[in-house]
Amino acid sequence: MAKKKETKIKITQIKSAIGYNVKQKRTLEALGIRKLNHSVVQVSNAQIEGMVYKVKHLVSVEDVN
C-alpha cells in the first residue's frame, strides 16, 4: 500500500489565555505553544484537530506545504 502523505498545520497563538479556563491553558501547553505569537507545526490528525477546536478563539491555523 502507498503511504499517506501527512498533512501539517501551523498553529499560532494570537490571543492571551489569561482569564480563560485552566483546561484551555493546558490545551495550549499540550499543543506546544509557549507564549503569545509563538507558532508550532503539528501533524493534522483527529487529536490535534480536537485540541485546536477547543482553543479556536485563541489561535490561528494555516496549512503548511
N, C-alpha and C. Protein backbone atom coordinates (compact mmCIF):
# COMPACT_ATOMS: atom_id res chain seq x y z
N MET A 1 0.83 -1.19 0.00
CA MET A 1 0.00 0.00 0.00
C MET A 1 0.87 1.24 0.00
N ALA A 2 0.35 2.27 -0.64
CA ALA A 2 1.06 3.54 -0.67
C ALA A 2 0.93 4.24 0.67
N LYS A 3 1.99 4.92 1.04
CA LYS A 3 2.00 5.64 2.31
C LYS A 3 1.26 6.97 2.14
N LYS A 4 0.39 7.29 3.08
CA LYS A 4 -0.34 8.55 3.04
C LYS A 4 0.59 9.69 3.38
N LYS A 5 0.44 10.80 2.66
CA LYS A 5 1.22 11.99 2.98
C LYS A 5 0.57 12.68 4.17
N GLU A 6 1.39 12.99 5.17
CA GLU A 6 0.87 13.62 6.37
C GLU A 6 0.63 15.10 6.11
N THR A 7 -0.55 15.56 6.46
CA THR A 7 -0.87 16.98 6.35
C THR A 7 -0.41 17.67 7.62
N LYS A 8 0.24 18.80 7.46
CA LYS A 8 0.72 19.54 8.62
C LYS A 8 0.03 20.88 8.68
N ILE A 9 -0.15 21.36 9.92
CA ILE A 9 -0.76 22.66 10.13
C ILE A 9 0.14 23.50 11.04
N LYS A 10 0.11 24.79 10.83
CA LYS A 10 0.87 25.73 11.66
C LYS A 10 -0.13 26.41 12.58
N ILE A 11 0.11 26.30 13.88
CA ILE A 11 -0.79 26.85 14.89
C ILE A 11 -0.06 28.00 15.58
N THR A 12 -0.69 29.18 15.61
CA THR A 12 -0.09 30.37 16.21
C THR A 12 -1.05 30.93 17.25
N GLN A 13 -0.55 31.21 18.44
CA GLN A 13 -1.38 31.82 19.47
C GLN A 13 -1.50 33.30 19.17
N ILE A 14 -2.74 33.79 19.04
CA ILE A 14 -2.96 35.20 18.70
C ILE A 14 -3.62 35.98 19.83
N LYS A 15 -4.05 35.29 20.86
CA LYS A 15 -4.74 35.95 21.97
C LYS A 15 -4.25 35.33 23.27
N SER A 16 -4.16 36.14 24.30
CA SER A 16 -3.68 35.68 25.60
C SER A 16 -4.68 34.72 26.24
N ALA A 17 -4.16 33.76 26.99
CA ALA A 17 -5.00 32.79 27.68
C ALA A 17 -5.37 33.24 29.09
N ILE A 18 -4.92 34.44 29.48
CA ILE A 18 -5.25 34.96 30.80
C ILE A 18 -6.75 35.18 30.89
N GLY A 19 -7.34 34.69 31.95
CA GLY A 19 -8.78 34.86 32.16
C GLY A 19 -9.61 33.73 31.60
N TYR A 20 -8.99 32.76 30.97
CA TYR A 20 -9.70 31.62 30.41
C TYR A 20 -9.51 30.40 31.32
N ASN A 21 -10.31 29.41 31.07
CA ASN A 21 -10.32 28.18 31.85
C ASN A 21 -8.94 27.52 31.86
N VAL A 22 -8.60 26.87 32.97
CA VAL A 22 -7.32 26.18 33.11
C VAL A 22 -7.18 25.08 32.05
N LYS A 23 -8.27 24.43 31.69
CA LYS A 23 -8.21 23.38 30.67
C LYS A 23 -7.76 23.94 29.33
N GLN A 24 -8.17 25.16 29.02
CA GLN A 24 -7.75 25.77 27.76
C GLN A 24 -6.27 26.13 27.80
N LYS A 25 -5.79 26.57 28.94
CA LYS A 25 -4.36 26.87 29.08
C LYS A 25 -3.54 25.60 28.94
N ARG A 26 -4.02 24.53 29.53
CA ARG A 26 -3.31 23.24 29.43
C ARG A 26 -3.35 22.70 28.00
N THR A 27 -4.44 22.96 27.28
CA THR A 27 -4.53 22.53 25.90
C THR A 27 -3.48 23.24 25.05
N LEU A 28 -3.29 24.53 25.29
CA LEU A 28 -2.23 25.26 24.58
C LEU A 28 -0.86 24.68 24.89
N GLU A 29 -0.62 24.34 26.15
CA GLU A 29 0.65 23.72 26.53
C GLU A 29 0.83 22.38 25.84
N ALA A 30 -0.24 21.60 25.76
CA ALA A 30 -0.17 20.28 25.12
C ALA A 30 0.11 20.40 23.62
N LEU A 31 -0.35 21.48 23.01
CA LEU A 31 -0.07 21.71 21.60
C LEU A 31 1.37 22.15 21.38
N GLY A 32 2.04 22.59 22.45
CA GLY A 32 3.43 23.01 22.36
C GLY A 32 3.59 24.51 22.25
N ILE A 33 2.50 25.23 22.46
CA ILE A 33 2.54 26.69 22.38
C ILE A 33 2.96 27.23 23.73
N ARG A 34 3.97 28.08 23.74
CA ARG A 34 4.55 28.56 24.99
C ARG A 34 4.13 29.97 25.36
N LYS A 35 4.00 30.86 24.36
CA LYS A 35 3.67 32.25 24.67
C LYS A 35 2.95 32.88 23.47
N LEU A 36 2.52 34.10 23.64
CA LEU A 36 1.79 34.82 22.62
C LEU A 36 2.64 34.97 21.36
N ASN A 37 2.03 34.80 20.21
CA ASN A 37 2.66 34.85 18.89
C ASN A 37 3.66 33.73 18.65
N HIS A 38 3.65 32.70 19.47
CA HIS A 38 4.51 31.53 19.27
C HIS A 38 3.79 30.57 18.32
N SER A 39 4.51 30.01 17.38
CA SER A 39 3.94 29.09 16.40
C SER A 39 4.57 27.71 16.52
N VAL A 40 3.76 26.70 16.25
CA VAL A 40 4.24 25.33 16.19
C VAL A 40 3.64 24.67 14.96
N VAL A 41 4.35 23.69 14.43
CA VAL A 41 3.85 22.91 13.30
C VAL A 41 3.53 21.52 13.83
N GLN A 42 2.31 21.08 13.62
CA GLN A 42 1.85 19.78 14.10
C GLN A 42 1.28 18.99 12.93
N VAL A 43 1.32 17.68 13.04
CA VAL A 43 0.67 16.80 12.07
C VAL A 43 -0.83 16.88 12.32
N SER A 44 -1.58 17.06 11.26
CA SER A 44 -3.03 17.20 11.39
C SER A 44 -3.66 15.81 11.53
N ASN A 45 -4.14 15.51 12.73
CA ASN A 45 -4.87 14.28 12.97
C ASN A 45 -6.07 14.61 13.86
N ALA A 46 -6.86 13.63 14.20
CA ALA A 46 -8.09 13.86 14.95
C ALA A 46 -7.83 14.49 16.32
N GLN A 47 -6.78 14.06 17.00
CA GLN A 47 -6.49 14.58 18.33
C GLN A 47 -6.08 16.05 18.27
N ILE A 48 -5.20 16.40 17.36
CA ILE A 48 -4.75 17.77 17.22
C ILE A 48 -5.89 18.67 16.79
N GLU A 49 -6.70 18.21 15.83
CA GLU A 49 -7.84 19.00 15.37
C GLU A 49 -8.83 19.25 16.51
N GLY A 50 -9.02 18.27 17.38
CA GLY A 50 -9.91 18.45 18.52
C GLY A 50 -9.37 19.47 19.51
N MET A 51 -8.07 19.44 19.75
CA MET A 51 -7.47 20.42 20.67
C MET A 51 -7.55 21.83 20.08
N VAL A 52 -7.30 21.95 18.77
CA VAL A 52 -7.39 23.25 18.12
C VAL A 52 -8.82 23.78 18.20
N TYR A 53 -9.80 22.90 18.04
CA TYR A 53 -11.20 23.31 18.11
C TYR A 53 -11.54 23.89 19.48
N LYS A 54 -10.98 23.32 20.53
CA LYS A 54 -11.27 23.79 21.89
C LYS A 54 -10.69 25.16 22.18
N VAL A 55 -9.62 25.54 21.49
CA VAL A 55 -8.99 26.84 21.73
C VAL A 55 -9.00 27.70 20.46
N LYS A 56 -9.98 27.49 19.60
CA LYS A 56 -10.02 28.19 18.31
C LYS A 56 -10.11 29.70 18.45
N HIS A 57 -10.60 30.19 19.57
CA HIS A 57 -10.71 31.63 19.81
C HIS A 57 -9.37 32.24 20.23
N LEU A 58 -8.38 31.40 20.53
CA LEU A 58 -7.07 31.88 20.98
C LEU A 58 -5.97 31.69 19.94
N VAL A 59 -6.23 30.91 18.90
CA VAL A 59 -5.20 30.56 17.93
C VAL A 59 -5.65 30.82 16.50
N SER A 60 -4.67 30.90 15.60
CA SER A 60 -4.95 30.89 14.17
C SER A 60 -4.26 29.66 13.58
N VAL A 61 -4.87 29.10 12.55
CA VAL A 61 -4.37 27.86 11.96
C VAL A 61 -4.22 28.06 10.46
N GLU A 62 -3.10 27.58 9.92
CA GLU A 62 -2.88 27.60 8.48
C GLU A 62 -2.19 26.32 8.04
N ASP A 63 -2.44 25.94 6.80
CA ASP A 63 -1.82 24.73 6.26
C ASP A 63 -0.37 24.99 5.89
N VAL A 64 0.45 23.95 6.04
CA VAL A 64 1.87 24.02 5.68
C VAL A 64 2.10 23.00 4.58
N ASN A 65 2.79 23.45 3.54
CA ASN A 65 3.09 22.53 2.43
C ASN A 65 4.44 21.89 2.61
